[in-house]
Amino acid sequence: MQAVIIIVVILAVLLVIFTLQNSIEISVHIFMWEITNAPLVLVLISCIVIGYLLAAFYFVPKIWKYQKEIKQLTSFSDELKELHELNHKKEETLPKEKQNIDPEGITLDDDSGSNNSFFTD
């Protein structure tokens, strides 16, 4: 918290120095309007603020869109985790004979002990 206060004080001092160094008055022409005797500092700071606001208004809809996508993906991820946990609980409750079944549903016997196999001829 103290670091934030120090940074704000430093920025305020820099703003005062900037204001004192750029205290000349200028005329600003915007389309058909003319603003005379406007301080240069006021013009510069207002341009910076207007630019910041325009950028913020431009990105707000995109930020809302991304937040909506994040919510959807988070809920989908939670659903997948629940299904995964249910599947593991289901596998744990199956008897040992059923857990060793191949993906096709057929258990394969080990015929290494018998000599009447096709490959042993």
PDB file of N, CA and C in Angstrom:
ATOM      1  N   MET A   1       0.828  -1.195   0.000  1.00  0.00           N
ATOM      2  CA  MET A   1       0.000   0.000   0.000  1.00  0.00           C
ATOM      3  C   MET A   1       0.868   1.253   0.000  1.00  0.00           C
ATOM      4  N   GLN A   2       1.979   1.207   0.727  1.00  0.00           N
ATOM      5  CA  GLN A   2       2.853   2.359   0.793  1.00  0.00           C
ATOM      6  C   GLN A   2       3.523   2.615  -0.551  1.00  0.00           C
ATOM      7  N   ALA A   3       3.792   1.552  -1.295  1.00  0.00           N
ATOM      8  CA  ALA A   3       4.421   1.710  -2.606  1.00  0.00           C
ATOM      9  C   ALA A   3       3.488   2.448  -3.558  1.00  0.00           C
ATOM     10  N   VAL A   4       2.201   2.179  -3.470  1.00  0.00           N
ATOM     11  CA  VAL A   4       1.224   2.861  -4.328  1.00  0.00           C
ATOM     12  C   VAL A   4       1.192   4.356  -4.006  1.00  0.00           C
ATOM     13  N   ILE A   5       1.226   4.688  -2.746  1.00  0.00           N
ATOM     14  CA  ILE A   5       1.208   6.097  -2.340  1.00  0.00           C
ATOM     15  C   ILE A   5       2.463   6.808  -2.848  1.00  0.00           C
ATOM     16  N   ILE A   6       3.605   6.150  -2.741  1.00  0.00           N
ATOM     17  CA  ILE A   6       4.857   6.747  -3.226  1.00  0.00           C
ATOM     18  C   ILE A   6       4.800   6.977  -4.734  1.00  0.00           C
ATOM     19  N   ILE A   7       4.282   6.016  -5.469  1.00  0.00           N
ATOM     20  CA  ILE A   7       4.170   6.158  -6.931  1.00  0.00           C
ATOM     21  C   ILE A   7       3.233   7.295  -7.298  1.00  0.00           C
ATOM     22  N   VAL A   8       2.113   7.412  -6.589  1.00  0.00           N
ATOM     23  CA  VAL A   8       1.159   8.495  -6.864  1.00  0.00           C
ATOM     24  C   VAL A   8       1.792   9.853  -6.574  1.00  0.00           C
ATOM     25  N   VAL A   9       2.533   9.964  -5.486  1.00  0.00           N
ATOM     26  CA  VAL A   9       3.197  11.232  -5.159  1.00  0.00           C
ATOM     27  C   VAL A   9       4.228  11.580  -6.229  1.00  0.00           C
ATOM     28  N   ILE A  10       5.013  10.615  -6.666  1.00  0.00           N
ATOM     29  CA  ILE A  10       6.009  10.867  -7.719  1.00  0.00           C
ATOM     30  C   ILE A  10       5.330  11.317  -9.009  1.00  0.00           C
ATOM     31  N   LEU A  11       4.228  10.666  -9.385  1.00  0.00           N
ATOM     32  CA  LEU A  11       3.509  11.072 -10.596  1.00  0.00           C
ATOM     33  C   LEU A  11       2.925  12.474 -10.457  1.00  0.00           C
ATOM     34  N   ALA A  12       2.428  12.813  -9.264  1.00  0.00           N
ATOM     35  CA  ALA A  12       1.888  14.157  -9.049  1.00  0.00           C
ATOM     36  C   ALA A  12       2.984  15.214  -9.176  1.00  0.00           C
ATOM     37  N   VAL A  13       4.166  14.930  -8.636  1.00  0.00           N
ATOM     38  CA  VAL A  13       5.289  15.873  -8.756  1.00  0.00           C
ATOM     39  C   VAL A  13       5.688  16.028 -10.218  1.00  0.00           C
ATOM     40  N   LEU A  14       5.756  14.925 -10.953  1.00  0.00           N
ATOM     41  CA  LEU A  14       6.087  15.003 -12.375  1.00  0.00           C
ATOM     42  C   LEU A  14       5.036  15.788 -13.155  1.00  0.00           C
ATOM     43  N   LEU A  15       3.765  15.651 -12.785  1.00  0.00           N
ATOM     44  CA  LEU A  15       2.706  16.410 -13.456  1.00  0.00           C
ATOM     45  C   LEU A  15       2.856  17.909 -13.179  1.00  0.00           C
ATOM     46  N   VAL A  16       3.189  18.272 -11.973  1.00  0.00           N
ATOM     47  CA  VAL A  16       3.392  19.686 -11.636  1.00  0.00           C
ATOM     48  C   VAL A  16       4.570  20.247 -12.423  1.00  0.00           C
ATOM     49  N   ILE A  17       5.670  19.499 -12.502  1.00  0.00           N
ATOM     50  CA  ILE A  17       6.830  19.949 -13.272  1.00  0.00           C
ATOM     51  C   ILE A  17       6.462  20.099 -14.743  1.00  0.00           C
ATOM     52  N   PHE A  18       5.727  19.124 -15.268  1.00  0.00           N
ATOM     53  CA  PHE A  18       5.292  19.189 -16.669  1.00  0.00           C
ATOM     54  C   PHE A  18       4.408  20.405 -16.909  1.00  0.00           C
ATOM     55  N   THR A  19       3.510  20.694 -15.961  1.00  0.00           N
ATOM     56  CA  THR A  19       2.614  21.845 -16.084  1.00  0.00           C
ATOM     57  C   THR A  19       3.392  23.159 -16.076  1.00  0.00           C
ATOM     58  N   LEU A  20       4.354  23.279 -15.214  1.00  0.00           N
ATOM     59  CA  LEU A  20       5.131  24.512 -15.127  1.00  0.00           C
ATOM     60  C   LEU A  20       6.004  24.734 -16.366  1.00  0.00           C
ATOM     61  N   GLN A  21       6.500  23.673 -16.949  1.00  0.00           N
ATOM     62  CA  GLN A  21       7.360  23.812 -18.124  1.00  0.00           C
ATOM     63  C   GLN A  21       6.565  24.084 -19.398  1.00  0.00           C
ATOM     64  N   ASN A  22       5.283  23.705 -19.424  1.00  0.00           N
ATOM     65  CA  ASN A  22       4.463  23.867 -20.628  1.00  0.00           C
ATOM     66  C   ASN A  22       3.263  24.775 -20.350  1.00  0.00           C
ATOM     67  N   SER A  23       3.532  25.915 -19.782  1.00  0.00           N
ATOM     68  CA  SER A  23       2.443  26.821 -19.391  1.00  0.00           C
ATOM     69  C   SER A  23       2.099  27.842 -20.475  1.00  0.00           C
ATOM     70  N   ILE A  24       2.630  27.689 -21.657  1.00  0.00           N
ATOM     71  CA  ILE A  24       2.316  28.656 -22.721  1.00  0.00           C
ATOM     72  C   ILE A  24       0.886  28.454 -23.197  1.00  0.00           C
ATOM     73  N   GLU A  25       0.336  29.500 -23.781  1.00  0.00           N
ATOM     74  CA  GLU A  25      -1.033  29.429 -24.289  1.00  0.00           C
ATOM     75  C   GLU A  25      -0.990  29.271 -25.793  1.00  0.00           C
ATOM     76  N   ILE A  26      -1.909  28.434 -26.291  1.00  0.00           N
ATOM     77  CA  ILE A  26      -1.957  28.163 -27.724  1.00  0.00           C
ATOM     78  C   ILE A  26      -3.376  28.339 -28.232  1.00  0.00           C
ATOM     79  N   SER A  27      -3.526  28.372 -29.545  1.00  0.00           N
ATOM     80  CA  SER A  27      -4.845  28.391 -30.172  1.00  0.00           C
ATOM     81  C   SER A  27      -5.074  27.032 -30.822  1.00  0.00           C
ATOM     82  N   VAL A  28      -6.246  26.491 -30.580  1.00  0.00           N
ATOM     83  CA  VAL A  28      -6.576  25.172 -31.110  1.00  0.00           C
ATOM     84  C   VAL A  28      -7.723  25.341 -32.105  1.00  0.00           C
ATOM     85  N   HIS A  29      -7.549  24.765 -33.300  1.00  0.00           N
ATOM     86  CA  HIS A  29      -8.580  24.810 -34.325  1.00  0.00           C
ATOM     87  C   HIS A  29      -9.126  23.399 -34.520  1.00  0.00           C
ATOM     88  N   ILE A  30     -10.424  23.209 -34.225  1.00  0.00           N
ATOM     89  CA  ILE A  30     -11.085  21.921 -34.398  1.00  0.00           C
ATOM     90  C   ILE A  30     -12.249  22.150 -35.348  1.00  0.00           C
ATOM     91  N   PHE A  31     -12.133  21.640 -36.563  1.00  0.00           N
ATOM     92  CA  PHE A  31     -13.101  21.838 -37.627  1.00  0.00           C
ATOM     93  C   PHE A  31     -13.400  23.336 -37.775  1.00  0.00           C
ATOM     94  N   MET A  32     -14.582  23.806 -37.362  1.00  0.00           N
ATOM     95  CA  MET A  32     -14.927  25.218 -37.526  1.00  0.00           C
ATOM     96  C   MET A  32     -14.761  26.014 -36.239  1.00  0.00           C
ATOM     97  N   TRP A  33     -14.399  25.331 -35.166  1.00  0.00           N
ATOM     98  CA  TRP A  33     -14.247  26.016 -33.897  1.00  0.00           C
ATOM     99  C   TRP A  33     -12.794  26.436 -33.693  1.00  0.00           C
ATOM    100  N   GLU A  34     -12.671  27.497 -32.939  1.00  0.00           N
ATOM    101  CA  GLU A  34     -11.335  27.962 -32.578  1.00  0.00           C
ATOM    102  C   GLU A  34     -11.319  28.252 -31.091  1.00  0.00           C
ATOM    103  N   ILE A  35     -10.391  27.605 -30.407  1.00  0.00           N
ATOM    104  CA  ILE A  35     -10.224  27.833 -28.981  1.00  0.00           C
ATOM    105  C   ILE A  35      -8.931  28.625 -28.822  1.00  0.00           C
ATOM    106  N   THR A  36      -9.057  29.852 -28.345  1.00  0.00           N
ATOM    107  CA  THR A  36      -7.872  30.701 -28.195  1.00  0.00           C
ATOM    108  C   THR A  36      -7.423  30.725 -26.747  1.00  0.00           C
ATOM    109  N   ASN A  37      -6.169  30.958 -26.554  1.00  0.00           N
ATOM    110  CA  ASN A  37      -5.556  31.082 -25.230  1.00  0.00           C
ATOM    111  C   ASN A  37      -5.783  29.851 -24.342  1.00  0.00           C
ATOM    112  N   ALA A  38      -5.675  28.673 -24.945  1.00  0.00           N
ATOM    113  CA  ALA A  38      -5.799  27.434 -24.177  1.00  0.00           C
ATOM    114  C   ALA A  38      -4.410  27.019 -23.707  1.00  0.00           C
ATOM    115  N   PRO A  39      -4.262  26.667 -22.442  1.00  0.00           N
ATOM    116  CA  PRO A  39      -2.947  26.227 -21.967  1.00  0.00           C
ATOM    117  C   PRO A  39      -2.532  24.919 -22.652  1.00  0.00           C
ATOM    118  N   LEU A  40      -1.271  24.850 -23.027  1.00  0.00           N
ATOM    119  CA  LEU A  40      -0.755  23.672 -23.719  1.00  0.00           C
ATOM    120  C   LEU A  40      -0.919  22.419 -22.867  1.00  0.00           C
ATOM    121  N   VAL A  41      -0.693  22.545 -21.568  1.00  0.00           N
ATOM    122  CA  VAL A  41      -0.826  21.395 -20.662  1.00  0.00           C
ATOM    123  C   VAL A  41      -2.246  20.858 -20.679  1.00  0.00           C
ATOM    124  N   LEU A  42      -3.224  21.741 -20.624  1.00  0.00           N
ATOM    125  CA  LEU A  42      -4.619  21.327 -20.621  1.00  0.00           C
ATOM    126  C   LEU A  42      -4.968  20.609 -21.922  1.00  0.00           C
ATOM    127  N   VAL A  43      -4.479  21.110 -23.038  1.00  0.00           N
ATOM    128  CA  VAL A  43      -4.746  20.475 -24.329  1.00  0.00           C
ATOM    129  C   VAL A  43      -4.113  19.081 -24.378  1.00  0.00           C
ATOM    130  N   LEU A  44      -2.869  18.970 -23.945  1.00  0.00           N
ATOM    131  CA  LEU A  44      -2.180  17.679 -23.982  1.00  0.00           C
ATOM    132  C   LEU A  44      -2.842  16.656 -23.058  1.00  0.00           C
ATOM    133  N   ILE A  45      -3.138  17.065 -21.834  1.00  0.00           N
ATOM    134  CA  ILE A  45      -3.749  16.130 -20.884  1.00  0.00           C
ATOM    135  C   ILE A  45      -5.145  15.718 -21.342  1.00  0.00           C
ATOM    136  N   SER A  46      -5.925  16.669 -21.891  1.00  0.00           N
ATOM    137  CA  SER A  46      -7.263  16.312 -22.373  1.00  0.00           C
ATOM    138  C   SER A  46      -7.180  15.357 -23.563  1.00  0.00           C
ATOM    139  N   CYS A  47      -6.182  15.532 -24.434  1.00  0.00           N
ATOM    140  CA  CYS A  47      -6.010  14.600 -25.564  1.00  0.00           C
ATOM    141  C   CYS A  47      -5.651  13.203 -25.076  1.00  0.00           C
ATOM    142  N   ILE A  48      -4.815  13.125 -24.055  1.00  0.00           N
ATOM    143  CA  ILE A  48      -4.447  11.821 -23.499  1.00  0.00           C
ATOM    144  C   ILE A  48      -5.665  11.145 -22.879  1.00  0.00           C
ATOM    145  N   VAL A  49      -6.456  11.901 -22.120  1.00  0.00           N
ATOM    146  CA  VAL A  49      -7.647  11.331 -21.475  1.00  0.00           C
ATOM    147  C   VAL A  49      -8.669  10.887 -22.520  1.00  0.00           C
ATOM    148  N   ILE A  50      -8.892  11.702 -23.546  1.00  0.00           N
ATOM    149  CA  ILE A  50      -9.845  11.337 -24.600  1.00  0.00           C
ATOM    150  C   ILE A  50      -9.371  10.085 -25.343  1.00  0.00           C
ATOM    151  N   GLY A  51      -8.079   9.994 -25.620  1.00  0.00           N
ATOM    152  CA  GLY A  51      -7.543   8.797 -26.273  1.00  0.00           C
ATOM    153  C   GLY A  51      -7.722   7.557 -25.423  1.00  0.00           C
ATOM    154  N   TYR A  52      -7.480   7.686 -24.121  1.00  0.00           N
ATOM    155  CA  TYR A  52      -7.672   6.560 -23.209  1.00  0.00           C
ATOM    156  C   TYR A  52      -9.137   6.121 -23.188  1.00  0.00           C
ATOM    157  N   LEU A  53     -10.059   7.088 -23.112  1.00  0.00           N
ATOM    158  CA  LEU A  53     -11.484   6.751 -23.081  1.00  0.00           C
ATOM    159  C   LEU A  53     -11.935   6.085 -24.378  1.00  0.00           C
ATOM    160  N   LEU A  54     -11.463   6.577 -25.514  1.00  0.00           N
ATOM    161  CA  LEU A  54     -11.819   5.947 -26.789  1.00  0.00           C
ATOM    162  C   LEU A  54     -11.324   4.506 -26.857  1.00  0.00           C
ATOM    163  N   ALA A  55     -10.103   4.271 -26.409  1.00  0.00           N
ATOM    164  CA  ALA A  55      -9.566   2.905 -26.408  1.00  0.00           C
ATOM    165  C   ALA A  55     -10.353   2.013 -25.452  1.00  0.00           C
ATOM    166  N   ALA A  56     -10.715   2.551 -24.286  1.00  0.00           N
ATOM    167  CA  ALA A  56     -11.482   1.768 -23.322  1.00  0.00           C
ATOM    168  C   ALA A  56     -12.853   1.407 -23.881  1.00  0.00           C
ATOM    169  N   PHE A  57     -13.534   2.368 -24.510  1.00  0.00           N
ATOM    170  CA  PHE A  57     -14.847   2.081 -25.095  1.00  0.00           C
ATOM    171  C   PHE A  57     -14.752   1.096 -26.246  1.00  0.00           C
ATOM    172  N   TYR A  58     -13.648   1.097 -26.937  1.00  0.00           N
ATOM    173  CA  TYR A  58     -13.463   0.161 -28.038  1.00  0.00           C
ATOM    174  C   TYR A  58     -13.278  -1.267 -27.526  1.00  0.00           C
ATOM    175  N   PHE A  59     -12.551  -1.431 -26.406  1.00  0.00           N
ATOM    176  CA  PHE A  59     -12.240  -2.768 -25.926  1.00  0.00           C
ATOM    177  C   PHE A  59     -13.252  -3.343 -24.949  1.00  0.00           C
ATOM    178  N   VAL A  60     -14.148  -2.557 -24.397  1.00  0.00           N
ATOM    179  CA  VAL A  60     -15.123  -3.066 -23.424  1.00  0.00           C
ATOM    180  C   VAL A  60     -15.994  -4.174 -24.019  1.00  0.00           C
ATOM    181  N   PRO A  61     -16.573  -4.032 -25.226  1.00  0.00           N
ATOM    182  CA  PRO A  61     -17.372  -5.149 -25.767  1.00  0.00           C
ATOM    183  C   PRO A  61     -16.551  -6.422 -25.976  1.00  0.00           C
ATOM    184  N   LYS A  62     -15.301  -6.284 -26.382  1.00  0.00           N
ATOM    185  CA  LYS A  62     -14.453  -7.469 -26.553  1.00  0.00           C
ATOM    186  C   LYS A  62     -14.186  -8.140 -25.211  1.00  0.00           C
ATOM    187  N   ILE A  63     -13.968  -7.339 -24.184  1.00  0.00           N
ATOM    188  CA  ILE A  63     -13.717  -7.901 -22.854  1.00  0.00           C
ATOM    189  C   ILE A  63     -14.954  -8.644 -22.368  1.00  0.00           C
ATOM    190  N   TRP A  64     -16.149  -8.075 -22.569  1.00  0.00           N
ATOM    191  CA  TRP A  64     -17.390  -8.751 -22.182  1.00  0.00           C
ATOM    192  C   TRP A  64     -17.539 -10.071 -22.931  1.00  0.00           C
ATOM    193  N   LYS A  65     -17.218 -10.069 -24.219  1.00  0.00           N
ATOM    194  CA  LYS A  65     -17.322 -11.282 -25.031  1.00  0.00           C
ATOM    195  C   LYS A  65     -16.385 -12.362 -24.492  1.00  0.00           C
ATOM    196  N   TYR A  66     -15.152 -11.975 -24.176  1.00  0.00           N
ATOM    197  CA  TYR A  66     -14.189 -12.956 -23.672  1.00  0.00           C
ATOM    198  C   TYR A  66     -14.579 -13.460 -22.289  1.00  0.00           C
ATOM    199  N   GLN A  67     -15.142 -12.607 -21.455  1.00  0.00           N
ATOM    200  CA  GLN A  67     -15.590 -13.052 -20.133  1.00  0.00           C
ATOM    201  C   GLN A  67     -16.737 -14.050 -20.263  1.00  0.00           C
ATOM    202  N   LYS A  68     -17.631 -13.825 -21.230  1.00  0.00           N
ATOM    203  CA  LYS A  68     -18.731 -14.757 -21.464  1.00  0.00           C
ATOM    204  C   LYS A  68     -18.190 -16.110 -21.931  1.00  0.00           C
ATOM    205  N   GLU A  69     -17.207 -16.087 -22.834  1.00  0.00           N
ATOM    206  CA  GLU A  69     -16.598 -17.328 -23.297  1.00  0.00           C
ATOM    207  C   GLU A  69     -15.890 -18.057 -22.157  1.00  0.00           C
ATOM    208  N   ILE A  70     -15.235 -17.314 -21.285  1.00  0.00           N
ATOM    209  CA  ILE A  70     -14.549 -17.929 -20.148  1.00  0.00           C
ATOM    210  C   ILE A  70     -15.554 -18.612 -19.232  1.00  0.00           C
ATOM    211  N   LYS A  71     -16.703 -17.971 -18.983  1.00  0.00           N
ATOM    212  CA  LYS A  71     -17.737 -18.585 -18.142  1.00  0.00           C
ATOM    213  C   LYS A  71     -18.246 -19.876 -18.772  1.00  0.00           C
ATOM    214  N   GLN A  72     -18.498 -19.852 -20.090  1.00  0.00           N
ATOM    215  CA  GLN A  72     -18.992 -21.048 -20.773  1.00  0.00           C
ATOM    216  C   GLN A  72     -17.968 -22.175 -20.720  1.00  0.00           C
ATOM    217  N   LEU A  73     -16.713 -21.853 -20.979  1.00  0.00           N
ATOM    218  CA  LEU A  73     -15.681 -22.879 -20.959  1.00  0.00           C
ATOM    219  C   LEU A  73     -15.449 -23.423 -19.551  1.00  0.00           C
ATOM    220  N   THR A  74     -15.568 -22.567 -18.548  1.00  0.00           N
ATOM    221  CA  THR A  74     -15.405 -23.019 -17.170  1.00  0.00           C
ATOM    222  C   THR A  74     -16.523 -23.966 -16.773  1.00  0.00           C
ATOM    223  N   SER A  75     -17.757 -23.636 -17.136  1.00  0.00           N
ATOM    224  CA  SER A  75     -18.871 -24.528 -16.804  1.00  0.00           C
ATOM    225  C   SER A  75     -18.747 -25.847 -17.564  1.00  0.00           C
ATOM    226  N   PHE A  76     -18.304 -25.803 -18.825  1.00  0.00           N
ATOM    227  CA  PHE A  76     -18.111 -27.016 -19.597  1.00  0.00           C
ATOM    228  C   PHE A  76     -17.005 -27.874 -18.980  1.00  0.00           C
ATOM    229  N   SER A  77     -15.938 -27.235 -18.522  1.00  0.00           N
ATOM    230  CA  SER A  77     -14.845 -27.955 -17.873  1.00  0.00           C
ATOM    231  C   SER A  77     -15.322 -28.614 -16.577  1.00  0.00           C
ATOM    232  N   ASP A  78     -16.140 -27.907 -15.812  1.00  0.00           N
ATOM    233  CA  ASP A  78     -16.672 -28.480 -14.577  1.00  0.00           C
ATOM    234  C   ASP A  78     -17.547 -29.703 -14.866  1.00  0.00           C
ATOM    235  N   GLU A  79     -18.360 -29.613 -15.922  1.00  0.00           N
ATOM    236  CA  GLU A  79     -19.201 -30.752 -16.295  1.00  0.00           C
ATOM    237  C   GLU A  79     -18.347 -31.945 -16.699  1.00  0.00           C
ATOM    238  N   LEU A  80     -17.279 -31.697 -17.455  1.00  0.00           N
ATOM    239  CA  LEU A  80     -16.387 -32.785 -17.859  1.00  0.00           C
ATOM    240  C   LEU A  80     -15.694 -33.417 -16.655  1.00  0.00           C
ATOM    241  N   LYS A  81     -15.288 -32.600 -15.682  1.00  0.00           N
ATOM    242  CA  LYS A  81     -14.662 -33.136 -14.479  1.00  0.00           C
ATOM    243  C   LYS A  81     -15.632 -34.028 -13.712  1.00  0.00           C
ATOM    244  N   GLU A  82     -16.891 -33.596 -13.605  1.00  0.00           N
ATOM    245  CA  GLU A  82     -17.895 -34.405 -12.913  1.00  0.00           C
ATOM    246  C   GLU A  82     -18.111 -35.731 -13.627  1.00  0.00           C
ATOM    247  N   LEU A  83     -18.209 -35.695 -14.963  1.00  0.00           N
ATOM    248  CA  LEU A  83     -18.383 -36.937 -15.715  1.00  0.00           C
ATOM    249  C   LEU A  83     -17.171 -37.845 -15.567  1.00  0.00           C
ATOM    250  N   HIS A  84     -15.990 -37.263 -15.542  1.00  0.00           N
ATOM    251  CA  HIS A  84     -14.764 -38.043 -15.373  1.00  0.00           C
ATOM    252  C   HIS A  84     -14.746 -38.725 -14.003  1.00  0.00           C
ATOM    253  N   GLU A  85     -15.126 -37.987 -12.965  1.00  0.00           N
ATOM    254  CA  GLU A  85     -15.174 -38.563 -11.627  1.00  0.00           C
ATOM    255  C   GLU A  85     -16.222 -39.667 -11.540  1.00  0.00           C
ATOM    256  N   LEU A  86     -17.383 -39.462 -12.155  1.00  0.00           N
ATOM    257  CA  LEU A  86     -18.413 -40.503 -12.157  1.00  0.00           C
ATOM    258  C   LEU A  86     -17.929 -41.754 -12.877  1.00  0.00           C
ATOM    259  N   ASN A  87     -17.204 -41.577 -13.967  1.00  0.00           N
ATOM    260  CA  ASN A  87     -16.696 -42.711 -14.720  1.00  0.00           C
ATOM    261  C   ASN A  87     -15.678 -43.500 -13.895  1.00  0.00           C
ATOM    262  N   HIS A  88     -14.801 -42.791 -13.177  1.00  0.00           N
ATOM    263  CA  HIS A  88     -13.815 -43.482 -12.348  1.00  0.00           C
ATOM    264  C   HIS A  88     -14.474 -44.196 -11.178  1.00  0.00           C
ATOM    265  N   LYS A  89     -15.484 -43.605 -10.592  1.00  0.00           N
ATOM    266  CA  LYS A  89     -16.206 -44.272  -9.509  1.00  0.00           C
ATOM    267  C   LYS A  89     -16.897 -45.517 -10.024  1.00  0.00           C
ATOM    268  N   LYS A  90     -17.424 -45.449 -11.229  1.00  0.00           N
ATOM    269  CA  LYS A  90     -18.105 -46.585 -11.833  1.00  0.00           C
ATOM    270  C   LYS A  90     -17.113 -47.719 -12.083  1.00  0.00           C
ATOM    271  N   GLU A  91     -15.900 -47.393 -12.563  1.00  0.00           N
ATOM    272  CA  GLU A  91     -14.882 -48.407 -12.812  1.00  0.00           C
ATOM    273  C   GLU A  91     -14.408 -49.043 -11.521  1.00  0.00           C
ATOM    274  N   GLU A  92     -14.341 -48.267 -10.447  1.00  0.00           N
ATOM    275  CA  GLU A  92     -13.891 -48.805  -9.173  1.00  0.00           C
ATOM    276  C   GLU A  92     -14.899 -49.779  -8.588  1.00  0.00           C
ATOM    277  N   THR A  93     -16.183 -49.587  -8.867  1.00  0.00           N
ATOM    278  CA  THR A  93     -17.213 -50.463  -8.316  1.00  0.00           C
ATOM    279  C   THR A  93     -17.381 -51.734  -9.130  1.00  0.00           C
ATOM    280  N   LEU A  94     -16.831 -51.821 -10.337  1.00  0.00           N
ATOM    281  CA  LEU A  94     -16.930 -53.028 -11.146  1.00  0.00           C
ATOM    282  C   LEU A  94     -16.069 -54.136 -10.540  1.00  0.00           C
ATOM    283  N   PRO A  95     -16.507 -55.400 -10.706  1.00  0.00           N
ATOM    284  CA  PRO A  95     -15.673 -56.516 -10.242  1.00  0.00           C
ATOM    285  C   PRO A  95     -14.378 -56.586 -11.047  1.00  0.00           C
ATOM    286  N   LYS A  96     -13.378 -57.279 -10.505  1.00  0.00           N
ATOM    287  CA  LYS A  96     -12.069 -57.365 -11.144  1.00  0.00           C
ATOM    288  C   LYS A  96     -12.149 -58.047 -12.508  1.00  0.00           C
ATOM    289  N   GLU A  97     -13.039 -59.015 -12.686  1.00  0.00           N
ATOM    290  CA  GLU A  97     -13.142 -59.702 -13.973  1.00  0.00           C
ATOM    291  C   GLU A  97     -13.606 -58.747 -15.072  1.00  0.00           C
ATOM    292  N   LYS A  98     -14.508 -57.846 -14.720  1.00  0.00           N
ATOM    293  CA  LYS A  98     -15.052 -56.914 -15.706  1.00  0.00           C
ATOM    294  C   LYS A  98     -14.055 -55.817 -16.063  1.00  0.00           C
ATOM    295  N   GLN A  99     -13.143 -55.490 -15.164  1.00  0.00           N
ATOM    296  CA  GLN A  99     -12.185 -54.421 -15.427  1.00  0.00           C
ATOM    297  C   GLN A  99     -11.118 -54.837 -16.431  1.00  0.00           C
ATOM    298  N   ASN A 100     -10.849 -56.132 -16.594  1.00  0.00           N
ATOM    299  CA  ASN A 100      -9.803 -56.603 -17.486  1.00  0.00           C
ATOM    300  C   ASN A 100     -10.321 -56.916 -18.884  1.00  0.00           C
ATOM    301  N   ILE A 101     -11.495 -56.471 -19.221  1.00  0.00           N
ATOM    302  CA  ILE A 101     -12.066 -56.726 -20.542  1.00  0.00           C
ATOM    303  C   ILE A 101     -11.441 -55.759 -21.540  1.00  0.00           C
ATOM    304  N   ASP A 102     -11.138 -56.267 -22.727  1.00  0.00           N
ATOM    305  CA  ASP A 102     -10.588 -55.440 -23.796  1.00  0.00           C
ATOM    306  C   ASP A 102     -11.635 -54.436 -24.269  1.00  0.00           C
ATOM    307  N   PRO A 103     -11.212 -53.418 -25.008  1.00  0.00           N
ATOM    308  CA  PRO A 103     -12.157 -52.400 -25.458  1.00  0.00           C
ATOM    309  C   PRO A 103     -13.300 -52.956 -26.306  1.00  0.00           C
ATOM    310  N   GLU A 104     -13.065 -54.078 -26.978  1.00  0.00           N
ATOM    311  CA  GLU A 104     -14.130 -54.663 -27.802  1.00  0.00           C
ATOM    312  C   GLU A 104     -15.117 -55.455 -26.965  1.00  0.00           C
ATOM    313  N   GLY A 105     -14.801 -55.675 -25.693  1.00  0.00           N
ATOM    314  CA  GLY A 105     -15.700 -56.410 -24.823  1.00  0.00           C
ATOM    315  C   GLY A 105     -15.394 -57.895 -24.781  1.00  0.00           C
ATOM    316  N   ILE A 106     -14.292 -58.332 -25.377  1.00  0.00           N
ATOM    317  CA  ILE A 106     -13.934 -59.748 -25.423  1.00  0.00           C
ATOM    318  C   ILE A 106     -12.671 -59.944 -24.606  1.00  0.00           C
ATOM    319  N   THR A 107     -12.701 -60.902 -23.707  1.00  0.00           N
ATOM    320  CA  THR A 107     -11.486 -61.207 -22.965  1.00  0.00           C
ATOM    321  C   THR A 107     -10.648 -62.167 -23.789  1.00  0.00           C
ATOM    322  N   LEU A 108      -9.364 -61.930 -23.791  1.00  0.00           N
ATOM    323  CA  LEU A 108      -8.453 -62.765 -24.557  1.00  0.00           C
ATOM    324  C   LEU A 108      -7.749 -63.719 -23.604  1.00  0.00           C
ATOM    325  N   ASP A 109      -7.752 -64.992 -23.969  1.00  0.00           N
ATOM    326  CA  ASP A 109      -7.069 -65.989 -23.160  1.00  0.00           C
ATOM    327  C   ASP A 109      -5.613 -66.050 -23.574  1.00  0.00           C
ATOM    328  N   ASP A 110      -4.780 -66.381 -22.641  1.00  0.00           N
ATOM    329  CA  ASP A 110      -3.363 -66.540 -22.923  1.00  0.00           C
ATOM    330  C   ASP A 110      -3.122 -67.992 -23.297  1.00  0.00           C
ATOM    331  N   ASP A 111      -2.825 -68.237 -24.561  1.00  0.00           N
ATOM    332  CA  ASP A 111      -2.631 -69.605 -25.066  1.00  0.00           C
ATOM    333  C   ASP A 111      -1.160 -69.976 -25.141  1.00  0.00           C
ATOM    334  N   SER A 112      -0.330 -69.346 -24.375  1.00  0.00           N
ATOM    335  CA  SER A 112       1.099 -69.623 -24.465  1.00  0.00           C
ATOM    336  C   SER A 112       1.426 -71.031 -23.973  1.00  0.00           C
ATOM    337  N   GLY A 113       0.587 -71.596 -23.127  1.00  0.00           N
ATOM    338  CA  GLY A 113       0.855 -72.930 -22.589  1.00  0.00           C
ATOM    339  C   GLY A 113       0.470 -74.055 -23.537  1.00  0.00           C
ATOM    340  N   SER A 114      -0.459 -73.822 -24.435  1.00  0.00           N
ATOM    341  CA  SER A 114      -0.899 -74.914 -25.318  1.00  0.00           C
ATOM    342  C   SER A 114      -0.076 -74.919 -26.595  1.00  0.00           C
ATOM    343  N   ASN A 115       0.158 -76.100 -27.145  1.00  0.00           N
ATOM    344  CA  ASN A 115       0.970 -76.256 -28.339  1.00  0.00           C
ATOM    345  C   ASN A 115       0.133 -76.383 -29.597  1.00  0.00           C
ATOM    346  N   ASN A 116      -1.175 -76.378 -29.489  1.00  0.00           N
ATOM    347  CA  ASN A 116      -2.000 -76.539 -30.678  1.00  0.00           C
ATOM    348  C   ASN A 116      -2.403 -75.201 -31.261  1.00  0.00           C
ATOM    349  N   SER A 117      -1.604 -74.206 -31.141  1.00  0.00           N
ATOM    350  CA  SER A 117      -1.837 -72.890 -31.687  1.00  0.00           C
ATOM    351  C   SER A 117      -1.358 -72.843 -33.123  1.00  0.00           C
ATOM    352  N   PHE A 118      -1.881 -71.948 -33.910  1.00  0.00           N
ATOM    353  CA  PHE A 118      -1.509 -71.800 -35.327  1.00  0.00           C
ATOM    354  C   PHE A 118      -0.060 -71.388 -35.470  1.00  0.00           C
ATOM    355  N   PHE A 119       0.445 -70.537 -34.591  1.00  0.00           N
ATOM    356  CA  PHE A 119       1.799 -69.994 -34.716  1.00  0.00           C
ATOM    357  C   PHE A 119       2.877 -70.924 -34.185  1.00  0.00           C
ATOM    358  N   THR A 120       2.527 -71.926 -33.452  1.00  0.00           N
ATOM    359  CA  THR A 120       3.528 -72.835 -32.932  1.00  0.00           C
ATOM    360  C   THR A 120       3.844 -73.967 -33.878  1.00  0.00           C
ATOM    361  N   ASP A 121       3.137 -74.073 -34.990  1.00  0.00           N
ATOM    362  CA  ASP A 121       3.381 -75.170 -35.936  1.00  0.00           C
ATOM    363  C   ASP A 121       4.655 -75.023 -36.687  1.00  0.00           C
TER     364      ASP A 121
END
